[in-house]
C-alpha cells in the first residue's frame, strides 16, 4: 500500500482526537442579579453564624434549639451551606448555578450519612430576582416527592433567601404557612461539626 496513502489515513483518523483536545466546555451563563446574590453569600465561605426564628406560624420545639448556618463549601458553580438545628446535622442547603438561573436544594441525610427519603427537594429561580433576594418556587421533582411523602400542601412552597451586609435570612412561604429564620453575619462563631454524610 502506498506509504503516503497510509499516512493520510492515519492523519484523518487522528483529526477527531485533535479537535476534541481543542474543544472547550460550553460557557455557564448567568445574569448579574444571580451572580451578585451568589457572590455575596460566597464572601462568607468558611464561616458559621448563629440564627434565630423570627416568625413561625406553626412553631416546632426543634427550632427553639441553637441554630447555625455554615457556609462550608464554595465553588464557582455551587455553595453548600449546612443548617444545624441543635445536634441535628442532617440539613444542607445547596445553591447551584444551572445556566438557567439558580437552584436551591435541601440535602437531608440520616445520622449514618445515608439519604433521608425526603432529600433534595427545593426549587429554581423563575425570574431575575434582586441582588440581595432570590426566590425558589418548588420544582416538579419536589412536587412529586411531596405527594409521594403525603405532604401535597407543600407543592405551593416557595423558599426565599436574603443576603445583606449584616444578616442572612431563610424564609419558607406557602398559603397559610410561613417560617423565617435570621442569621447575624456581624460575628462568626466556631465551626460546627461536619454535616451528616459529608465526612
N, C-alpha and C. Protein backbone atom coordinates (compact mmCIF):
# COMPACT_ATOMS: atom_id res chain seq x y z
N UNK A 1 0.85 -1.19 0.00
CA UNK A 1 0.00 0.00 0.00
C UNK A 1 0.89 1.25 0.00
N UNK A 2 0.49 2.24 -0.75
CA UNK A 2 1.26 3.48 -0.85
C UNK A 2 1.45 4.10 0.53
N UNK A 3 2.73 4.44 0.84
CA UNK A 3 3.06 4.99 2.17
C UNK A 3 2.32 6.31 2.43
N UNK A 4 2.27 7.16 1.42
CA UNK A 4 1.57 8.44 1.58
C UNK A 4 0.09 8.22 1.87
N UNK A 5 -0.48 7.22 1.22
CA UNK A 5 -1.90 6.91 1.43
C UNK A 5 -2.14 6.46 2.88
N UNK A 6 -1.23 5.62 3.38
CA UNK A 6 -1.36 5.13 4.76
C UNK A 6 -1.25 6.29 5.74
N UNK A 7 -0.30 7.19 5.48
CA UNK A 7 -0.14 8.34 6.37
C UNK A 7 -1.39 9.22 6.36
N UNK A 8 -1.98 9.38 5.19
CA UNK A 8 -3.19 10.20 5.08
C UNK A 8 -4.33 9.59 5.90
N UNK A 9 -4.45 8.26 5.85
CA UNK A 9 -5.50 7.58 6.61
C UNK A 9 -5.28 7.78 8.12
N UNK A 10 -4.02 7.65 8.55
CA UNK A 10 -3.70 7.83 9.97
C UNK A 10 -4.02 9.25 10.43
N UNK A 11 -3.65 10.25 9.60
CA UNK A 11 -3.93 11.64 9.95
C UNK A 11 -5.42 11.90 10.05
N UNK A 12 -6.19 11.35 9.11
CA UNK A 12 -7.64 11.52 9.14
C UNK A 12 -8.24 10.88 10.38
N UNK A 13 -7.67 9.73 10.78
CA UNK A 13 -8.17 9.04 11.97
C UNK A 13 -7.90 9.85 13.24
N UNK A 14 -6.80 10.62 13.23
CA UNK A 14 -6.42 11.39 14.41
C UNK A 14 -7.12 12.75 14.50
N UNK A 15 -7.73 13.20 13.40
CA UNK A 15 -8.37 14.52 13.39
C UNK A 15 -9.42 14.70 14.49
N UNK A 16 -10.34 13.72 14.69
CA UNK A 16 -11.34 13.90 15.76
C UNK A 16 -10.70 14.08 17.13
N UNK A 17 -9.61 13.35 17.38
CA UNK A 17 -8.91 13.48 18.66
C UNK A 17 -8.33 14.88 18.80
N UNK A 18 -7.73 15.37 17.73
CA UNK A 18 -7.13 16.70 17.73
C UNK A 18 -8.17 17.78 18.03
N UNK A 19 -9.30 17.70 17.33
CA UNK A 19 -10.34 18.71 17.54
C UNK A 19 -10.98 18.58 18.91
N UNK A 20 -11.07 17.36 19.43
CA UNK A 20 -11.62 17.17 20.78
C UNK A 20 -10.73 17.84 21.81
N UNK A 21 -9.41 17.79 21.58
CA UNK A 21 -8.48 18.42 22.51
C UNK A 21 -8.59 19.94 22.44
N UNK A 22 -8.96 20.46 21.27
CA UNK A 22 -9.09 21.90 21.12
C UNK A 22 -10.42 22.42 21.65
N UNK A 23 -11.42 21.53 21.75
CA UNK A 23 -12.75 21.96 22.18
C UNK A 23 -12.71 22.44 23.62
N UNK A 24 -13.55 23.40 23.94
CA UNK A 24 -13.66 23.87 25.32
C UNK A 24 -15.10 23.72 25.77
N UNK A 25 -15.31 23.62 27.08
CA UNK A 25 -16.68 23.45 27.57
C UNK A 25 -17.55 24.65 27.20
N UNK A 26 -18.82 24.40 27.01
CA UNK A 26 -19.76 25.50 26.77
C UNK A 26 -19.80 26.39 28.01
N UNK A 27 -19.95 27.70 27.84
CA UNK A 27 -19.95 28.60 29.00
C UNK A 27 -21.18 28.39 29.87
N UNK A 28 -21.01 28.57 31.17
CA UNK A 28 -22.12 28.53 32.10
C UNK A 28 -22.64 29.96 32.24
N UNK A 29 -23.75 30.24 31.59
CA UNK A 29 -24.24 31.62 31.55
C UNK A 29 -25.03 31.95 32.81
N UNK A 30 -25.04 33.23 33.16
CA UNK A 30 -25.82 33.71 34.30
C UNK A 30 -26.04 35.20 34.12
N UNK A 31 -26.88 35.77 34.98
CA UNK A 31 -27.20 37.19 34.89
C UNK A 31 -26.70 37.90 36.14
N UNK A 32 -26.54 39.23 36.07
CA UNK A 32 -25.91 39.96 37.18
C UNK A 32 -26.59 39.81 38.54
N UNK A 33 -27.93 39.81 38.59
CA UNK A 33 -28.57 39.70 39.91
C UNK A 33 -28.29 38.35 40.55
N UNK A 34 -28.29 37.28 39.75
CA UNK A 34 -27.97 35.96 40.29
C UNK A 34 -26.52 35.90 40.74
N UNK A 35 -25.63 36.48 39.94
CA UNK A 35 -24.21 36.48 40.29
C UNK A 35 -23.95 37.25 41.58
N UNK A 36 -24.57 38.41 41.71
CA UNK A 36 -24.37 39.24 42.90
C UNK A 36 -24.84 38.49 44.15
N UNK A 37 -26.01 37.90 44.08
CA UNK A 37 -26.56 37.14 45.20
C UNK A 37 -25.63 35.99 45.58
N UNK A 38 -25.23 35.21 44.60
CA UNK A 38 -24.36 34.05 44.81
C UNK A 38 -23.03 34.49 45.43
N UNK A 39 -22.43 35.54 44.86
CA UNK A 39 -21.12 36.00 45.33
C UNK A 39 -21.20 36.60 46.73
N UNK A 40 -22.32 37.24 47.05
CA UNK A 40 -22.47 37.85 48.38
C UNK A 40 -22.48 36.78 49.46
N UNK A 41 -23.08 35.63 49.17
CA UNK A 41 -23.05 34.53 50.13
C UNK A 41 -21.65 33.92 50.18
N UNK A 42 -21.04 33.74 49.01
CA UNK A 42 -19.71 33.12 48.93
C UNK A 42 -18.66 33.92 49.68
N UNK A 43 -18.87 35.22 49.86
CA UNK A 43 -17.92 36.04 50.62
C UNK A 43 -17.76 35.54 52.06
N UNK A 44 -18.74 34.80 52.54
CA UNK A 44 -18.70 34.30 53.92
C UNK A 44 -18.23 32.86 53.98
N UNK A 45 -17.67 32.36 52.89
CA UNK A 45 -17.24 30.97 52.83
C UNK A 45 -16.26 30.64 53.95
N UNK A 46 -16.49 29.51 54.60
CA UNK A 46 -15.63 29.08 55.69
C UNK A 46 -16.05 29.60 57.05
N UNK A 47 -17.15 30.35 57.10
CA UNK A 47 -17.60 30.92 58.36
C UNK A 47 -18.97 30.36 58.76
N UNK A 48 -19.25 30.43 60.06
CA UNK A 48 -20.54 29.97 60.60
C UNK A 48 -21.16 31.07 61.43
N UNK A 49 -22.50 31.08 61.47
CA UNK A 49 -23.22 32.15 62.15
C UNK A 49 -24.44 31.59 62.88
N UNK A 50 -24.78 32.25 63.98
CA UNK A 50 -25.94 31.85 64.78
C UNK A 50 -27.19 32.53 64.24
N UNK A 51 -28.30 31.80 64.29
CA UNK A 51 -29.56 32.35 63.83
C UNK A 51 -30.65 32.21 64.87
N UNK A 52 -31.79 32.80 64.56
CA UNK A 52 -32.97 32.68 65.43
C UNK A 52 -34.22 32.74 64.57
N UNK A 53 -35.24 32.04 64.99
CA UNK A 53 -36.52 32.09 64.30
C UNK A 53 -37.18 33.43 64.63
N UNK A 54 -37.52 34.18 63.59
CA UNK A 54 -38.18 35.47 63.80
C UNK A 54 -39.67 35.41 63.48
N UNK A 55 -40.10 34.35 62.77
CA UNK A 55 -41.52 34.15 62.54
C UNK A 55 -41.77 32.70 62.20
N UNK A 56 -42.80 32.13 62.84
CA UNK A 56 -43.20 30.76 62.54
C UNK A 56 -44.65 30.61 62.98
N UNK A 57 -45.55 30.46 62.03
CA UNK A 57 -46.97 30.36 62.39
C UNK A 57 -47.40 28.92 62.70
N UNK A 58 -46.43 28.00 62.72
CA UNK A 58 -46.68 26.62 63.15
C UNK A 58 -45.44 26.15 63.90
N UNK A 59 -45.20 26.72 65.09
CA UNK A 59 -43.93 26.51 65.79
C UNK A 59 -43.63 25.05 66.09
N UNK A 60 -42.34 24.71 65.97
CA UNK A 60 -41.85 23.38 66.31
C UNK A 60 -40.83 23.53 67.44
N UNK A 61 -40.91 22.70 68.47
CA UNK A 61 -39.93 22.78 69.56
C UNK A 61 -38.50 22.61 69.07
N UNK A 62 -38.31 21.90 67.97
CA UNK A 62 -36.96 21.66 67.46
C UNK A 62 -36.22 22.95 67.18
N UNK A 63 -36.95 23.97 66.70
CA UNK A 63 -36.30 25.20 66.29
C UNK A 63 -36.08 26.17 67.45
N UNK A 64 -36.37 25.71 68.67
CA UNK A 64 -36.02 26.51 69.85
C UNK A 64 -34.58 26.22 70.27
N UNK A 65 -33.94 25.24 69.62
CA UNK A 65 -32.54 24.92 69.91
C UNK A 65 -31.62 25.91 69.18
N UNK A 66 -30.32 25.78 69.43
CA UNK A 66 -29.34 26.63 68.76
C UNK A 66 -29.37 26.37 67.26
N UNK A 67 -29.45 27.44 66.47
CA UNK A 67 -29.50 27.34 65.01
C UNK A 67 -28.21 27.92 64.43
N UNK A 68 -27.57 27.18 63.57
CA UNK A 68 -26.29 27.61 62.99
C UNK A 68 -26.28 27.34 61.49
N UNK A 69 -25.88 28.33 60.72
CA UNK A 69 -25.60 28.12 59.30
C UNK A 69 -24.09 28.18 59.09
N UNK A 70 -23.58 27.33 58.21
CA UNK A 70 -22.14 27.25 57.96
C UNK A 70 -21.93 27.27 56.45
N UNK A 71 -21.35 28.35 55.95
CA UNK A 71 -21.05 28.43 54.51
C UNK A 71 -19.79 27.58 54.31
N UNK A 72 -20.00 26.30 54.11
CA UNK A 72 -18.93 25.32 54.25
C UNK A 72 -18.10 25.09 53.00
N UNK A 73 -18.75 25.07 51.85
CA UNK A 73 -18.04 24.73 50.61
C UNK A 73 -18.51 25.66 49.49
N UNK A 74 -17.56 26.23 48.77
CA UNK A 74 -17.89 27.19 47.72
C UNK A 74 -17.04 26.95 46.48
N UNK A 75 -17.69 26.80 45.34
CA UNK A 75 -17.01 26.78 44.06
C UNK A 75 -17.64 27.87 43.20
N UNK A 76 -17.17 28.00 41.97
CA UNK A 76 -17.76 28.99 41.08
C UNK A 76 -19.20 28.63 40.68
N UNK A 77 -19.56 27.38 40.91
CA UNK A 77 -20.87 26.90 40.48
C UNK A 77 -21.80 26.51 41.61
N UNK A 78 -21.25 26.21 42.80
CA UNK A 78 -22.11 25.69 43.86
C UNK A 78 -21.67 26.13 45.25
N UNK A 79 -22.68 26.41 46.11
CA UNK A 79 -22.46 26.71 47.52
C UNK A 79 -23.15 25.63 48.35
N UNK A 80 -22.46 25.10 49.34
CA UNK A 80 -23.04 24.13 50.27
C UNK A 80 -23.07 24.75 51.65
N UNK A 81 -24.29 24.84 52.22
CA UNK A 81 -24.48 25.56 53.48
C UNK A 81 -25.23 24.66 54.46
N UNK A 82 -24.53 23.93 55.32
CA UNK A 82 -25.22 23.15 56.34
C UNK A 82 -26.01 24.06 57.28
N UNK A 83 -27.21 23.60 57.66
CA UNK A 83 -28.07 24.30 58.60
C UNK A 83 -28.27 23.37 59.80
N UNK A 84 -27.59 23.68 60.91
CA UNK A 84 -27.61 22.84 62.09
C UNK A 84 -28.72 23.29 63.04
N UNK A 85 -29.51 22.33 63.50
CA UNK A 85 -30.57 22.59 64.47
C UNK A 85 -30.23 21.81 65.73
N UNK A 86 -29.65 22.47 66.71
CA UNK A 86 -29.13 21.76 67.88
C UNK A 86 -28.06 20.78 67.45
N UNK A 87 -28.20 19.53 67.86
CA UNK A 87 -27.24 18.49 67.47
C UNK A 87 -27.60 17.81 66.16
N UNK A 88 -28.68 18.26 65.54
CA UNK A 88 -29.13 17.68 64.28
C UNK A 88 -28.36 18.30 63.12
N UNK A 89 -27.50 17.49 62.51
CA UNK A 89 -26.66 17.97 61.40
C UNK A 89 -27.12 17.34 60.09
N UNK A 90 -28.43 17.18 59.94
CA UNK A 90 -28.97 16.45 58.79
C UNK A 90 -29.21 17.31 57.57
N UNK A 91 -29.21 18.65 57.73
CA UNK A 91 -29.67 19.53 56.66
C UNK A 91 -28.52 20.29 56.02
N UNK A 92 -28.51 20.32 54.69
CA UNK A 92 -27.56 21.17 53.95
C UNK A 92 -28.30 21.84 52.80
N UNK A 93 -28.22 23.17 52.76
CA UNK A 93 -28.78 23.91 51.61
C UNK A 93 -27.73 23.91 50.52
N UNK A 94 -28.14 23.63 49.30
CA UNK A 94 -27.22 23.61 48.16
C UNK A 94 -27.74 24.59 47.11
N UNK A 95 -26.97 25.62 46.84
CA UNK A 95 -27.32 26.62 45.82
C UNK A 95 -26.40 26.39 44.63
N UNK A 96 -26.99 26.19 43.45
CA UNK A 96 -26.21 25.83 42.27
C UNK A 96 -26.56 26.73 41.09
N UNK A 97 -25.54 27.22 40.40
CA UNK A 97 -25.76 27.91 39.13
C UNK A 97 -26.04 26.85 38.06
N UNK A 98 -27.17 26.96 37.37
CA UNK A 98 -27.56 25.91 36.43
C UNK A 98 -27.41 26.31 34.97
N UNK A 99 -27.16 27.58 34.71
CA UNK A 99 -27.16 28.06 33.33
C UNK A 99 -28.52 28.60 32.93
N UNK A 100 -29.53 28.29 33.75
CA UNK A 100 -30.88 28.83 33.54
C UNK A 100 -31.34 29.59 34.78
N UNK A 101 -30.42 29.86 35.67
CA UNK A 101 -30.73 30.55 36.91
C UNK A 101 -30.03 29.89 38.08
N UNK A 102 -30.69 29.91 39.24
CA UNK A 102 -30.15 29.32 40.46
C UNK A 102 -31.10 28.26 40.98
N UNK A 103 -30.53 27.16 41.43
CA UNK A 103 -31.30 26.09 42.04
C UNK A 103 -31.00 26.06 43.54
N UNK A 104 -32.04 25.82 44.34
CA UNK A 104 -31.87 25.59 45.77
C UNK A 104 -32.37 24.19 46.07
N UNK A 105 -31.52 23.38 46.67
CA UNK A 105 -31.90 22.04 47.09
C UNK A 105 -31.64 21.87 48.58
N UNK A 106 -32.46 21.02 49.21
CA UNK A 106 -32.31 20.70 50.62
C UNK A 106 -31.83 19.25 50.70
N UNK A 107 -30.55 19.08 50.99
CA UNK A 107 -29.97 17.75 51.12
C UNK A 107 -30.18 17.28 52.55
N UNK A 108 -31.05 16.29 52.73
CA UNK A 108 -31.34 15.75 54.06
C UNK A 108 -30.72 14.37 54.19
N UNK A 109 -29.96 14.19 55.26
CA UNK A 109 -29.29 12.91 55.50
C UNK A 109 -29.68 12.33 56.86
N UNK A 110 -29.57 11.03 56.97
CA UNK A 110 -29.70 10.36 58.26
C UNK A 110 -28.35 10.41 58.98
N UNK A 111 -28.36 10.06 60.26
CA UNK A 111 -27.13 10.17 61.04
C UNK A 111 -26.01 9.29 60.50
N UNK A 112 -26.38 8.18 59.84
CA UNK A 112 -25.35 7.30 59.26
C UNK A 112 -24.85 7.81 57.90
N UNK A 113 -25.36 8.96 57.46
CA UNK A 113 -24.91 9.56 56.21
C UNK A 113 -25.76 9.19 55.01
N UNK A 114 -26.65 8.22 55.16
CA UNK A 114 -27.49 7.81 54.04
C UNK A 114 -28.57 8.86 53.78
N UNK A 115 -29.14 8.83 52.58
CA UNK A 115 -30.15 9.81 52.20
C UNK A 115 -31.44 9.62 52.98
N UNK A 116 -32.00 10.72 53.45
CA UNK A 116 -33.34 10.70 54.00
C UNK A 116 -34.32 10.56 52.84
N UNK A 117 -35.46 9.88 53.03
CA UNK A 117 -36.42 9.74 51.93
C UNK A 117 -36.88 11.07 51.34
N UNK A 118 -36.83 12.15 52.13
CA UNK A 118 -37.32 13.44 51.64
C UNK A 118 -36.21 14.34 51.09
N UNK A 119 -35.05 13.77 50.80
CA UNK A 119 -33.92 14.61 50.42
C UNK A 119 -34.06 15.23 49.02
N UNK A 120 -33.36 16.33 48.84
CA UNK A 120 -33.18 17.04 47.58
C UNK A 120 -34.43 17.73 47.04
N UNK A 121 -35.36 18.05 47.92
CA UNK A 121 -36.47 18.90 47.49
C UNK A 121 -35.98 20.34 47.42
N UNK A 122 -36.67 21.16 46.67
CA UNK A 122 -36.27 22.56 46.54
C UNK A 122 -36.92 23.20 45.34
N UNK A 123 -36.26 24.22 44.82
CA UNK A 123 -36.85 24.95 43.70
C UNK A 123 -35.80 25.64 42.86
N UNK A 124 -36.30 26.40 41.89
CA UNK A 124 -35.42 27.07 40.93
C UNK A 124 -35.96 28.47 40.68
N UNK A 125 -35.06 29.41 40.51
CA UNK A 125 -35.48 30.78 40.19
C UNK A 125 -36.26 30.78 38.88
N UNK A 126 -37.24 31.68 38.80
CA UNK A 126 -38.02 31.82 37.57
C UNK A 126 -37.94 33.25 37.03
N UNK A 127 -37.18 34.11 37.71
CA UNK A 127 -37.01 35.48 37.24
C UNK A 127 -35.66 36.00 37.70
N UNK A 128 -35.41 37.27 37.46
CA UNK A 128 -34.10 37.85 37.79
C UNK A 128 -33.89 37.99 39.29
N UNK A 129 -34.99 38.15 40.04
CA UNK A 129 -34.82 38.41 41.46
C UNK A 129 -34.11 39.73 41.67
N UNK A 130 -33.40 39.82 42.78
CA UNK A 130 -32.67 41.05 43.12
C UNK A 130 -31.27 40.68 43.59
N UNK A 131 -30.41 41.67 43.64
CA UNK A 131 -29.04 41.42 44.09
C UNK A 131 -28.98 40.74 45.45
N UNK A 132 -29.92 41.07 46.32
CA UNK A 132 -29.89 40.58 47.69
C UNK A 132 -31.00 39.58 48.02
N UNK A 133 -31.88 39.31 47.07
CA UNK A 133 -33.03 38.43 47.34
C UNK A 133 -33.30 37.54 46.13
N UNK A 134 -33.46 36.25 46.41
CA UNK A 134 -33.85 35.31 45.36
C UNK A 134 -34.95 34.39 45.89
N UNK A 135 -35.88 34.02 45.00
CA UNK A 135 -36.99 33.15 45.35
C UNK A 135 -36.90 31.86 44.54
N UNK A 136 -37.29 30.76 45.20
CA UNK A 136 -37.17 29.44 44.59
C UNK A 136 -38.50 28.68 44.74
N UNK A 137 -39.42 28.85 43.79
CA UNK A 137 -40.68 28.08 43.84
C UNK A 137 -40.39 26.59 43.66
N UNK A 138 -41.19 25.76 44.31
CA UNK A 138 -40.97 24.31 44.26
C UNK A 138 -40.90 23.80 42.83
N UNK A 139 -39.89 22.97 42.55
CA UNK A 139 -39.75 22.38 41.22
C UNK A 139 -40.59 21.10 41.12
N UNK A 140 -40.65 20.54 39.92
CA UNK A 140 -41.53 19.40 39.68
C UNK A 140 -41.09 18.17 40.47
N UNK A 141 -39.78 17.95 40.58
CA UNK A 141 -39.29 16.82 41.38
C UNK A 141 -39.83 16.91 42.80
N UNK A 142 -39.77 18.12 43.36
CA UNK A 142 -40.21 18.32 44.74
C UNK A 142 -41.71 18.09 44.88
N UNK A 143 -42.48 18.59 43.92
CA UNK A 143 -43.93 18.40 43.99
C UNK A 143 -44.30 16.92 43.97
N UNK A 144 -43.65 16.17 43.12
CA UNK A 144 -43.95 14.74 43.07
C UNK A 144 -43.49 14.04 44.34
N UNK A 145 -42.36 14.49 44.90
CA UNK A 145 -41.87 13.92 46.15
C UNK A 145 -42.83 14.23 47.29
N UNK A 146 -43.32 15.47 47.36
CA UNK A 146 -44.24 15.85 48.43
C UNK A 146 -45.51 15.01 48.39
N UNK A 147 -46.03 14.79 47.19
CA UNK A 147 -47.23 13.96 47.05
C UNK A 147 -46.93 12.53 47.52
N UNK A 148 -45.79 12.00 47.10
CA UNK A 148 -45.39 10.65 47.49
C UNK A 148 -45.24 10.53 49.00
N UNK A 149 -44.72 11.60 49.64
CA UNK A 149 -44.49 11.59 51.09
C UNK A 149 -45.74 11.94 51.89
N UNK A 150 -46.85 12.25 51.19
CA UNK A 150 -48.09 12.56 51.88
C UNK A 150 -48.20 14.00 52.33
N UNK A 151 -47.44 14.90 51.68
CA UNK A 151 -47.47 16.32 52.03
C UNK A 151 -47.81 17.18 50.81
N UNK A 152 -48.94 16.94 50.15
CA UNK A 152 -49.25 17.67 48.92
C UNK A 152 -49.39 19.17 49.14
N UNK A 153 -49.68 19.60 50.37
CA UNK A 153 -49.79 21.04 50.64
C UNK A 153 -48.47 21.77 50.39
N UNK A 154 -47.37 21.02 50.46
CA UNK A 154 -46.05 21.63 50.25
C UNK A 154 -45.77 21.94 48.78
N UNK A 155 -46.65 21.49 47.88
CA UNK A 155 -46.45 21.79 46.46
C UNK A 155 -46.46 23.29 46.19
N UNK A 156 -47.07 24.05 47.08
CA UNK A 156 -47.10 25.50 46.92
C UNK A 156 -45.92 26.21 47.56
N UNK A 157 -44.94 25.46 48.02
CA UNK A 157 -43.78 26.07 48.69
C UNK A 157 -43.00 27.00 47.78
N UNK A 158 -42.59 28.12 48.35
CA UNK A 158 -41.56 28.96 47.76
C UNK A 158 -40.56 29.26 48.87
N UNK A 159 -39.30 29.02 48.57
CA UNK A 159 -38.23 29.34 49.51
C UNK A 159 -37.60 30.65 49.06
N UNK A 160 -37.32 31.50 50.02
CA UNK A 160 -36.67 32.77 49.74
C UNK A 160 -35.40 32.89 50.57
N UNK A 161 -34.38 33.47 49.97
CA UNK A 161 -33.14 33.75 50.69
C UNK A 161 -32.79 35.22 50.48
N UNK A 162 -32.35 35.85 51.58
CA UNK A 162 -31.97 37.26 51.57
C UNK A 162 -30.54 37.34 52.10
N UNK A 163 -29.69 38.09 51.43
CA UNK A 163 -28.31 38.28 51.91
C UNK A 163 -28.00 39.77 51.94
N UNK A 164 -27.75 40.26 53.15
CA UNK A 164 -27.38 41.66 53.34
C UNK A 164 -26.03 41.72 54.05
N UNK A 165 -25.51 42.90 54.23
CA UNK A 165 -24.20 43.03 54.85
C UNK A 165 -24.18 42.46 56.26
N UNK A 166 -25.28 42.61 56.98
CA UNK A 166 -25.28 42.21 58.39
C UNK A 166 -26.15 40.99 58.70
N UNK A 167 -26.90 40.49 57.72
CA UNK A 167 -27.76 39.34 58.03
C UNK A 167 -28.08 38.50 56.80
N UNK A 168 -28.38 37.25 57.06
CA UNK A 168 -28.84 36.30 56.06
C UNK A 168 -30.18 35.77 56.55
N UNK A 169 -31.15 35.69 55.65
CA UNK A 169 -32.50 35.24 56.02
C UNK A 169 -32.91 34.08 55.12
N UNK A 170 -33.46 33.05 55.74
CA UNK A 170 -34.06 31.92 55.04
C UNK A 170 -35.54 31.95 55.37
N UNK A 171 -36.37 31.90 54.34
CA UNK A 171 -37.82 32.01 54.54
C UNK A 171 -38.54 30.97 53.69
N UNK A 172 -39.50 30.30 54.29
CA UNK A 172 -40.40 29.38 53.58
C UNK A 172 -41.80 29.97 53.64
N UNK A 173 -42.47 30.05 52.49
CA UNK A 173 -43.85 30.51 52.47
C UNK A 173 -44.68 29.62 51.55
N UNK A 174 -45.93 29.48 51.91
CA UNK A 174 -46.97 28.91 51.05
C UNK A 174 -48.28 29.38 51.66
N UNK A 175 -49.38 29.09 51.03
CA UNK A 175 -50.67 29.53 51.55
C UNK A 175 -50.86 28.99 52.97
N UNK A 176 -51.03 29.89 53.92
CA UNK A 176 -51.28 29.50 55.30
C UNK A 176 -50.05 29.12 56.10
N UNK A 177 -48.85 29.25 55.50
CA UNK A 177 -47.62 28.81 56.20
C UNK A 177 -46.50 29.80 55.95
N UNK A 178 -45.81 30.16 57.03
CA UNK A 178 -44.61 30.99 56.90
C UNK A 178 -43.63 30.62 58.01
N UNK A 179 -42.38 30.46 57.60
CA UNK A 179 -41.27 30.19 58.53
C UNK A 179 -40.11 31.06 58.11
N UNK A 180 -39.51 31.75 59.08
CA UNK A 180 -38.42 32.67 58.75
C UNK A 180 -37.36 32.62 59.85
N UNK A 181 -36.11 32.36 59.43
CA UNK A 181 -35.01 32.36 60.38
C UNK A 181 -33.95 33.35 59.89
N UNK A 182 -33.40 34.10 60.83
CA UNK A 182 -32.47 35.19 60.50
C UNK A 182 -31.13 34.93 61.19
N UNK A 183 -30.05 35.07 60.43
CA UNK A 183 -28.71 34.82 60.94
C UNK A 183 -27.92 36.13 61.02
N UNK A 184 -27.22 36.31 62.13
CA UNK A 184 -26.41 37.51 62.35
C UNK A 184 -25.03 37.32 61.72
N UNK A 185 -24.74 38.10 60.68
CA UNK A 185 -23.45 37.98 59.99
C UNK A 185 -22.37 38.87 60.58
N UNK A 186 -22.70 39.58 61.63
CA UNK A 186 -21.73 40.50 62.23
C UNK A 186 -20.63 39.78 63.00
N UNK A 187 -20.94 38.57 63.46
CA UNK A 187 -19.96 37.85 64.26
C UNK A 187 -19.96 36.38 63.93
N UNK A 188 -18.85 35.90 63.39
CA UNK A 188 -18.71 34.47 63.10
C UNK A 188 -18.46 33.71 64.39
N UNK A 189 -18.87 32.46 64.41
CA UNK A 189 -18.68 31.61 65.59
C UNK A 189 -17.79 30.43 65.23
N UNK A 190 -17.45 29.63 66.25
CA UNK A 190 -16.68 28.42 65.99
C UNK A 190 -17.45 27.51 65.04
N UNK A 191 -16.72 26.83 64.19
CA UNK A 191 -17.37 25.99 63.19
C UNK A 191 -18.06 24.80 63.84
N UNK A 192 -19.24 24.44 63.34
CA UNK A 192 -19.95 23.28 63.87
C UNK A 192 -19.34 21.98 63.36
N UNK A 193 -19.94 20.88 63.78
CA UNK A 193 -19.46 19.57 63.33
C UNK A 193 -19.73 19.41 61.83
N UNK A 194 -19.07 18.45 61.23
CA UNK A 194 -19.30 18.13 59.83
C UNK A 194 -20.73 17.63 59.66
N UNK A 195 -21.46 18.13 58.66
CA UNK A 195 -22.83 17.63 58.47
C UNK A 195 -22.84 16.15 58.14
N UNK A 196 -23.90 15.50 58.52
CA UNK A 196 -24.03 14.06 58.30
C UNK A 196 -23.92 13.76 56.81
N UNK A 197 -23.12 12.74 56.51
CA UNK A 197 -22.96 12.30 55.13
C UNK A 197 -21.88 13.04 54.37
N UNK A 198 -21.22 14.02 54.99
CA UNK A 198 -20.21 14.82 54.29
C UNK A 198 -18.80 14.56 54.81
N UNK A 199 -18.64 13.52 55.63
CA UNK A 199 -17.31 13.21 56.14
C UNK A 199 -16.39 12.77 55.01
